[in-house]
Amino acid sequence: MEEQVLEILEQYAKKRVEIKYIVGELENGGINLISDPWLNRPFIDVIKKLIDENVLVPLKSAKKLQQYEGLPSKYEINRHYFRQCDEEIPAEELRGLSCKLNMSYYLKHIEEYRAHREFIRRINDLMMDNDCEVLTANERSYLIFGDEKAITSPKNASIDGEIILNRLNLTIKDIKAEKKPEPFFYIKAKEYESLSDILARKILIVENKDTFWTFMDATLSRELTDIHLLIYGEGNAVVSKFEFIQMVGGKTTDHYYYFGDMDQEGILIFNRLRSTFSEYNIRPAVSLYEYMLNKSGQENAKPLRKCRKINEESLSPFIDFFSHETRKVIEEIISAQKYIPQEVVNKTDMRRLRMIGIR
């Protein structure tokens, strides 16, 4: 009955309330003190408790009601009590949560807790289930947040699941999920697997699609024998996809080379890739870049379609792998807002590249 009385008081618009109003509202809710006199005792106990807790403050002018053991007939409602309740997470809710959930943030941000309560409950149910299978991050995200991108791509999702996990001090692993790297397209030479335990293999990452196809044909036909694994970098996408190398058996002891356009963007892609996956010690394919520069000639470098501000520092570490002479040529091309596309190298060059090798 206490819950019903508190609800009546909270929803009552005026500052002062009479016992007869509370009794009438209880009757509307199916609790009739007149037809069921045995309910008087619990009703009296509830009102006395609310007086003791300062929820109801008796008015001095109120009459004593003999049918309710002399309870005052009128009270002032302590609205602060209800505001205080709104500012706290109910104790029974906290007791029902797993100890693995760190609630310290939400205890201080009640409005956010209310907004995220349903998600927190689903996460809590998951934490309590010891037999729950591990799902991909997107699959788990959909089950918890109703949006498959909430964890892995929150900026593109309807809810930021990543920040909710952070505020609960939980990881992807804690919610029995794992991120799967986006796959890249690749081809293996016949000896790729057999050389795994014998020597370091050469792995070439090619920035553009057409050049990838040219090198793929040459690798599969054995016109090029210096490449054991060929990866299509797909421009800047390789930075987010390269983690997939683990799924195709790439080792940190293998030799990794990158070949892209001779322009600032191509250089920045290499620098980001090398920095993000430093353990693989990815290097520019110097022999291919030098061949491309010699074939095209610096004088045939084309103006960039869209000019951008040049930052000389951004050329490192890419440019540091080249000789002083080649480095100077690259710097002049970049500072002049020009570029040489890697498509300068085509099918007719494969035999010469076989002699030069990948280094």
Protein backbone atom coordinates (compact mmCIF):
# COMPACT_ATOMS: atom_id res chain seq x y z
CA MET A 1 0.00 0.00 0.00
CA GLU A 2 2.91 2.37 0.67
CA GLU A 3 3.84 2.37 -3.00
CA GLN A 4 0.30 3.34 -4.01
CA VAL A 5 0.12 6.16 -1.44
CA LEU A 6 3.49 7.56 -2.55
CA GLU A 7 2.35 7.51 -6.17
CA ILE A 8 -0.83 9.39 -5.22
CA LEU A 9 1.17 12.03 -3.36
CA GLU A 10 3.74 12.43 -6.14
CA GLN A 11 1.06 12.94 -8.79
CA TYR A 12 -1.03 15.30 -6.64
CA ALA A 13 -0.64 18.84 -7.99
CA LYS A 14 -1.36 20.84 -4.82
CA LYS A 15 0.92 21.47 -1.84
CA ARG A 16 -1.57 20.26 0.77
CA VAL A 17 -3.56 17.05 0.83
CA GLU A 18 -6.37 15.62 2.95
CA ILE A 19 -6.65 12.06 4.18
CA LYS A 20 -10.05 11.74 2.52
CA TYR A 21 -8.45 12.51 -0.87
CA ILE A 22 -5.85 9.77 -0.37
CA VAL A 23 -8.58 7.33 0.71
CA GLY A 24 -10.65 8.24 -2.35
CA GLU A 25 -7.72 7.72 -4.74
CA LEU A 26 -6.94 4.37 -3.14
CA GLU A 27 -10.56 3.37 -3.69
CA ASN A 28 -10.26 4.36 -7.37
CA GLY A 29 -7.26 2.07 -7.54
CA GLY A 30 -9.14 -0.89 -6.04
CA ILE A 31 -8.25 -0.46 -2.33
CA ASN A 32 -11.49 0.33 -0.47
CA LEU A 33 -10.95 1.16 3.22
CA ILE A 34 -14.68 1.54 3.84
CA SER A 35 -15.84 -1.81 2.48
CA ASP A 36 -12.68 -3.56 3.73
CA PRO A 37 -12.11 -2.19 7.27
CA TRP A 38 -9.23 -4.63 7.84
CA LEU A 39 -7.21 -2.43 5.47
CA ASN A 40 -7.34 0.45 7.97
CA ARG A 41 -4.43 -0.92 10.01
CA PRO A 42 -1.90 -1.07 7.10
CA PHE A 43 -3.17 2.33 5.90
CA ILE A 44 -2.60 3.92 9.33
CA ASP A 45 0.88 2.36 9.51
CA VAL A 46 1.78 3.76 6.08
CA ILE A 47 0.65 7.30 6.97
CA LYS A 48 2.53 7.19 10.30
CA LYS A 49 5.67 6.01 8.49
CA LEU A 50 5.41 8.84 5.97
CA ILE A 51 5.02 11.31 8.84
CA ASP A 52 8.12 9.89 10.53
CA GLU A 53 10.07 10.12 7.25
CA ASN A 54 8.93 13.72 6.79
CA VAL A 55 7.13 12.94 3.56
CA LEU A 56 3.88 14.20 5.10
CA VAL A 57 3.93 17.16 7.50
CA PRO A 58 0.71 17.43 9.60
CA LEU A 59 -0.93 20.87 9.63
CA LYS A 60 -1.45 22.35 13.09
CA SER A 61 -5.02 23.26 12.19
CA ALA A 62 -5.86 19.69 11.11
CA LYS A 63 -8.59 17.75 12.91
CA LYS A 64 -7.92 14.39 14.52
CA LEU A 65 -9.62 11.48 12.75
CA GLN A 66 -10.82 8.95 15.28
CA GLN A 67 -11.49 6.26 12.65
CA TYR A 68 -7.77 6.37 11.85
CA GLU A 69 -6.51 6.40 15.45
CA GLY A 70 -6.34 10.18 15.64
CA LEU A 71 -4.32 10.80 12.47
CA PRO A 72 -4.40 14.46 11.37
CA SER A 73 -6.84 15.11 8.53
CA LYS A 74 -4.57 17.47 6.51
CA TYR A 75 -0.88 17.48 5.53
CA GLU A 76 1.68 19.42 3.59
CA ILE A 77 3.51 17.28 1.02
CA ASN A 78 7.32 17.43 1.21
CA ARG A 79 8.14 17.76 -2.51
CA HIS A 80 11.87 17.62 -1.80
CA TYR A 81 11.46 13.95 -0.91
CA PHE A 82 10.26 13.09 -4.41
CA ARG A 83 12.94 15.21 -6.08
CA GLN A 84 15.53 13.41 -3.97
CA CYS A 85 14.16 10.03 -5.06
CA ASP A 86 14.35 11.17 -8.66
CA GLU A 87 18.02 11.97 -8.11
CA GLU A 88 18.92 8.51 -6.88
CA ILE A 89 19.05 5.06 -8.41
CA PRO A 90 16.68 2.83 -6.42
CA ALA A 91 18.58 0.57 -4.03
CA GLU A 92 16.82 -2.54 -5.30
CA GLU A 93 18.02 -1.79 -8.83
CA LEU A 94 21.61 -1.43 -7.68
CA ARG A 95 21.43 -4.68 -5.73
CA GLY A 96 20.33 -6.49 -8.87
CA LEU A 97 23.34 -5.38 -10.91
CA SER A 98 26.48 -7.43 -11.45
CA CYS A 99 29.51 -6.32 -9.45
CA LYS A 100 31.37 -6.20 -12.79
CA LEU A 101 29.44 -3.05 -13.73
CA ASN A 102 31.10 0.08 -12.39
CA MET A 103 28.16 2.36 -11.60
CA SER A 104 30.14 5.27 -10.15
CA TYR A 105 29.55 7.47 -13.21
CA TYR A 106 25.81 6.81 -13.41
CA LEU A 107 25.35 7.37 -9.66
CA LYS A 108 26.41 10.96 -10.35
CA HIS A 109 24.47 11.31 -13.62
CA ILE A 110 20.98 10.01 -12.92
CA GLU A 111 19.38 11.46 -16.06
CA GLU A 112 21.85 9.56 -18.23
CA TYR A 113 21.17 6.42 -16.20
CA ARG A 114 17.46 6.72 -16.91
CA ALA A 115 18.16 7.19 -20.61
CA HIS A 116 20.51 4.18 -20.69
CA ARG A 117 18.70 1.99 -18.14
CA GLU A 118 17.37 -0.52 -20.66
CA PHE A 119 20.80 -0.99 -22.26
CA ILE A 120 22.43 -1.36 -18.84
CA ARG A 121 19.90 -4.03 -17.91
CA ARG A 122 20.63 -5.97 -21.08
CA ILE A 123 24.36 -5.72 -20.42
CA ASN A 124 23.76 -6.85 -16.84
CA ASP A 125 21.76 -9.89 -18.00
CA LEU A 126 24.63 -10.74 -20.32
CA MET A 127 27.18 -10.49 -17.50
CA MET A 128 25.09 -12.88 -15.42
CA ASP A 129 24.98 -15.50 -18.18
CA ASN A 130 28.12 -17.62 -17.88
CA ASP A 131 27.15 -19.80 -20.86
CA CYS A 132 26.78 -16.93 -23.32
CA GLU A 133 28.64 -17.44 -26.61
CA VAL A 134 31.14 -14.93 -27.97
CA LEU A 135 29.67 -12.97 -30.91
CA THR A 136 31.15 -10.43 -33.28
CA ALA A 137 31.03 -6.85 -32.01
CA ASN A 138 28.34 -5.87 -34.53
CA GLU A 139 26.18 -8.88 -33.65
CA ARG A 140 26.45 -8.17 -29.92
CA SER A 141 25.86 -4.47 -30.52
CA TYR A 142 22.58 -5.22 -32.27
CA LEU A 143 21.36 -7.45 -29.42
CA ILE A 144 22.17 -4.88 -26.74
CA PHE A 145 21.54 -1.54 -28.43
CA GLY A 146 19.34 -2.45 -31.39
CA ASP A 147 21.98 -0.94 -33.68
CA GLU A 148 24.81 -2.99 -35.14
CA LYS A 149 27.10 0.05 -35.39
CA ALA A 150 26.69 1.29 -31.79
CA ILE A 151 30.02 -0.17 -30.63
CA THR A 152 32.29 -0.25 -33.67
CA SER A 153 31.04 2.91 -35.41
CA PRO A 154 29.11 4.97 -32.81
CA LYS A 155 29.26 8.19 -34.85
CA ASN A 156 27.13 6.48 -37.50
CA ALA A 157 24.77 4.81 -35.02
CA SER A 158 21.55 5.82 -33.27
CA ILE A 159 23.19 5.32 -29.86
CA ASP A 160 26.81 5.55 -28.69
CA GLY A 161 27.31 2.07 -27.26
CA GLU A 162 31.04 2.58 -26.92
CA ILE A 163 30.65 5.42 -24.43
CA ILE A 164 28.12 3.42 -22.37
CA LEU A 165 30.61 0.57 -22.09
CA ASN A 166 33.36 3.02 -21.12
CA ARG A 167 31.20 4.52 -18.38
CA LEU A 168 30.52 1.06 -17.01
CA ASN A 169 34.27 0.37 -17.21
CA LEU A 170 33.65 -2.56 -19.56
CA THR A 171 35.54 -3.77 -22.61
CA ILE A 172 34.37 -5.55 -25.75
CA LYS A 173 35.67 -8.77 -24.22
CA ASP A 174 33.60 -8.23 -21.07
CA ILE A 175 30.37 -8.32 -23.08
CA LYS A 176 31.51 -11.51 -24.82
CA ALA A 177 32.18 -9.90 -28.18
CA GLU A 178 35.16 -9.43 -30.45
CA LYS A 179 35.94 -7.03 -33.26
CA LYS A 180 36.57 -8.59 -36.64
CA PRO A 181 38.92 -6.78 -39.03
CA GLU A 182 37.54 -5.81 -42.41
CA PRO A 183 39.13 -8.14 -44.98
CA PHE A 184 41.34 -6.94 -47.81
CA PHE A 185 41.69 -8.57 -51.22
CA TYR A 186 44.88 -10.56 -51.73
CA ILE A 187 46.51 -13.35 -53.72
CA LYS A 188 49.15 -15.82 -52.60
CA ALA A 189 52.02 -17.21 -54.61
CA LYS A 190 52.20 -21.02 -54.62
CA GLU A 191 55.14 -21.11 -52.23
CA TYR A 192 53.65 -18.66 -49.71
CA GLU A 193 52.58 -21.34 -47.22
CA SER A 194 55.59 -23.61 -47.68
CA LEU A 195 58.05 -20.77 -47.02
CA SER A 196 56.34 -19.82 -43.76
CA ASP A 197 58.83 -21.59 -41.50
CA ILE A 198 61.88 -21.40 -43.76
CA LEU A 199 62.57 -17.74 -44.54
CA ALA A 200 61.04 -14.27 -44.45
CA ARG A 201 58.56 -13.85 -47.27
CA LYS A 202 58.08 -10.72 -49.37
CA ILE A 203 54.65 -9.13 -49.08
CA LEU A 204 53.75 -6.25 -51.40
CA ILE A 205 50.88 -3.83 -50.73
CA VAL A 206 49.68 -2.01 -53.85
CA GLU A 207 47.64 1.18 -53.49
CA ASN A 208 45.55 1.19 -56.69
CA LYS A 209 43.27 -1.37 -58.31
CA ASP A 210 44.66 -1.49 -61.86
CA THR A 211 48.26 -1.79 -60.68
CA PHE A 212 47.18 -4.56 -58.31
CA TRP A 213 45.69 -6.51 -61.23
CA THR A 214 48.85 -6.06 -63.27
CA PHE A 215 51.04 -7.34 -60.44
CA MET A 216 48.58 -10.14 -59.70
CA ASP A 217 48.74 -11.47 -63.27
CA ALA A 218 52.54 -11.30 -63.20
CA THR A 219 52.72 -13.07 -59.83
CA LEU A 220 50.32 -15.88 -60.76
CA SER A 221 52.01 -16.44 -64.13
CA ARG A 222 55.41 -16.50 -62.35
CA GLU A 223 56.59 -13.58 -64.45
CA LEU A 224 57.36 -12.02 -61.07
CA THR A 225 58.85 -14.49 -58.61
CA ASP A 226 59.82 -11.99 -55.93
CA ILE A 227 56.32 -11.57 -54.45
CA HIS A 228 54.88 -14.20 -52.10
CA LEU A 229 51.75 -12.33 -51.04
CA LEU A 230 50.13 -9.44 -52.92
CA ILE A 231 47.64 -7.17 -51.12
CA TYR A 232 45.25 -4.64 -52.66
CA GLY A 233 45.56 -1.59 -50.39
CA GLU A 234 42.51 0.21 -51.80
CA GLY A 235 43.91 3.64 -51.06
CA ASN A 236 43.58 4.75 -47.46
CA ALA A 237 41.35 1.76 -46.62
CA VAL A 238 44.43 -0.38 -46.00
CA VAL A 239 45.05 1.42 -42.70
CA SER A 240 41.81 0.06 -41.25
CA LYS A 241 42.02 -3.31 -43.02
CA PHE A 242 45.64 -4.34 -42.51
CA GLU A 243 44.84 -6.08 -39.22
CA PHE A 244 43.40 -8.82 -41.43
CA ILE A 245 47.01 -9.84 -42.22
CA GLN A 246 46.86 -12.11 -39.17
CA MET A 247 44.05 -14.09 -40.80
CA VAL A 248 46.13 -14.83 -43.92
CA GLY A 249 49.19 -15.97 -42.01
CA GLY A 250 51.33 -12.85 -42.24
CA LYS A 251 54.09 -12.70 -39.63
CA THR A 252 55.98 -9.77 -38.18
CA THR A 253 59.18 -11.46 -39.39
CA ASP A 254 58.08 -11.25 -43.04
CA HIS A 255 59.27 -8.37 -45.23
CA TYR A 256 56.50 -5.87 -46.03
CA TYR A 257 56.67 -3.35 -48.88
CA TYR A 258 54.28 -0.61 -49.91
CA PHE A 259 53.86 0.78 -53.44
CA GLY A 260 51.54 3.69 -54.25
CA ASP A 261 51.27 6.94 -56.16
CA MET A 262 54.14 9.38 -55.88
CA ASP A 263 52.12 12.17 -54.29
CA GLN A 264 51.55 13.54 -50.83
CA GLU A 265 48.41 11.45 -50.25
CA GLY A 266 50.15 8.22 -51.20
CA ILE A 267 53.04 9.10 -48.88
CA LEU A 268 50.65 9.91 -46.02
CA ILE A 269 48.90 6.56 -46.48
CA PHE A 270 52.23 4.78 -46.14
CA ASN A 271 53.19 6.80 -43.05
CA ARG A 272 49.85 6.09 -41.35
CA LEU A 273 50.08 2.40 -42.18
CA ARG A 274 53.65 2.08 -40.92
CA SER A 275 52.84 3.99 -37.72
CA THR A 276 49.66 2.04 -36.98
CA PHE A 277 51.30 -1.35 -37.54
CA SER A 278 54.85 -0.57 -36.49
CA GLU A 279 55.54 -4.17 -35.46
CA TYR A 280 55.45 -5.20 -39.14
CA ASN A 281 58.21 -2.73 -40.11
CA ILE A 282 56.51 -1.82 -43.40
CA ARG A 283 58.85 -0.12 -45.89
CA PRO A 284 58.30 1.65 -49.20
CA ALA A 285 59.14 -0.53 -52.20
CA VAL A 286 62.13 1.67 -53.08
CA SER A 287 63.04 -0.27 -56.24
CA LEU A 288 59.51 0.17 -57.64
CA TYR A 289 59.35 3.87 -56.83
CA GLU A 290 62.78 4.47 -58.37
CA TYR A 291 61.75 2.55 -61.48
CA MET A 292 58.56 4.62 -61.69
CA LEU A 293 60.48 7.90 -61.33
CA ASN A 294 63.06 6.91 -63.95
CA LYS A 295 60.44 5.76 -66.42
CA SER A 296 58.23 8.83 -66.06
CA GLY A 297 60.88 11.45 -65.48
CA GLN A 298 60.45 14.30 -63.04
CA GLU A 299 59.58 16.64 -65.90
CA ASN A 300 56.45 14.58 -66.68
CA ALA A 301 54.99 14.77 -63.19
CA LYS A 302 51.40 16.03 -63.47
CA PRO A 303 49.80 18.91 -61.50
CA LEU A 304 47.54 17.74 -58.71
CA ARG A 305 43.85 17.99 -59.55
CA LYS A 306 43.28 19.43 -56.09
CA CYS A 307 46.09 21.36 -54.42
CA ARG A 308 46.72 20.97 -50.72
CA LYS A 309 49.02 22.54 -48.16
CA ILE A 310 52.43 20.89 -48.07
CA ASN A 311 53.99 19.86 -44.79
CA GLU A 312 57.57 18.74 -45.37
CA GLU A 313 57.65 16.89 -42.06
CA SER A 314 54.78 14.69 -43.26
CA LEU A 315 57.09 13.18 -45.91
CA SER A 316 58.99 11.29 -43.20
CA PRO A 317 59.53 8.45 -42.56
CA PHE A 318 58.64 7.56 -46.18
CA ILE A 319 61.29 9.75 -47.74
CA ASP A 320 64.01 8.61 -45.32
CA PHE A 321 64.29 5.23 -47.06
CA PHE A 322 65.56 6.75 -50.33
CA SER A 323 68.98 7.90 -51.46
CA HIS A 324 69.85 11.59 -51.23
CA GLU A 325 69.36 12.06 -54.99
CA THR A 326 65.97 10.33 -55.10
CA ARG A 327 64.84 12.11 -51.96
CA LYS A 328 65.54 15.46 -53.60
CA VAL A 329 63.47 14.52 -56.66
CA ILE A 330 60.54 13.41 -54.49
CA GLU A 331 60.65 16.62 -52.45
CA GLU A 332 60.63 18.74 -55.62
CA ILE A 333 57.64 16.87 -57.05
CA ILE A 334 55.65 17.19 -53.83
CA SER A 335 56.53 20.85 -53.19
CA ALA A 336 55.50 21.69 -56.78
CA GLN A 337 52.03 20.22 -56.08
CA LYS A 338 52.59 17.53 -58.69
CA TYR A 339 52.32 13.74 -58.76
CA ILE A 340 53.24 10.60 -60.66
CA PRO A 341 50.56 7.88 -60.67
CA GLN A 342 51.72 4.33 -60.06
CA GLU A 343 49.89 3.36 -63.26
CA VAL A 344 53.05 4.55 -65.03
CA VAL A 345 54.20 1.00 -64.27
CA ASN A 346 52.25 -1.42 -66.45
CA LYS A 347 52.31 -4.96 -67.85
CA THR A 348 55.17 -4.21 -70.24
CA ASP A 349 57.46 -3.48 -67.30
CA MET A 350 57.08 -6.79 -65.47
CA ARG A 351 60.09 -8.54 -67.04
CA ARG A 352 62.39 -5.66 -66.17
CA LEU A 353 60.99 -5.58 -62.63
CA ARG A 354 61.77 -9.27 -62.30
CA MET A 355 65.43 -8.44 -62.84
CA ILE A 356 65.32 -5.48 -60.44
CA GLY A 357 63.39 -7.27 -57.68
CA ILE A 358 61.39 -5.89 -54.77
CA ARG A 359 63.49 -4.07 -52.19
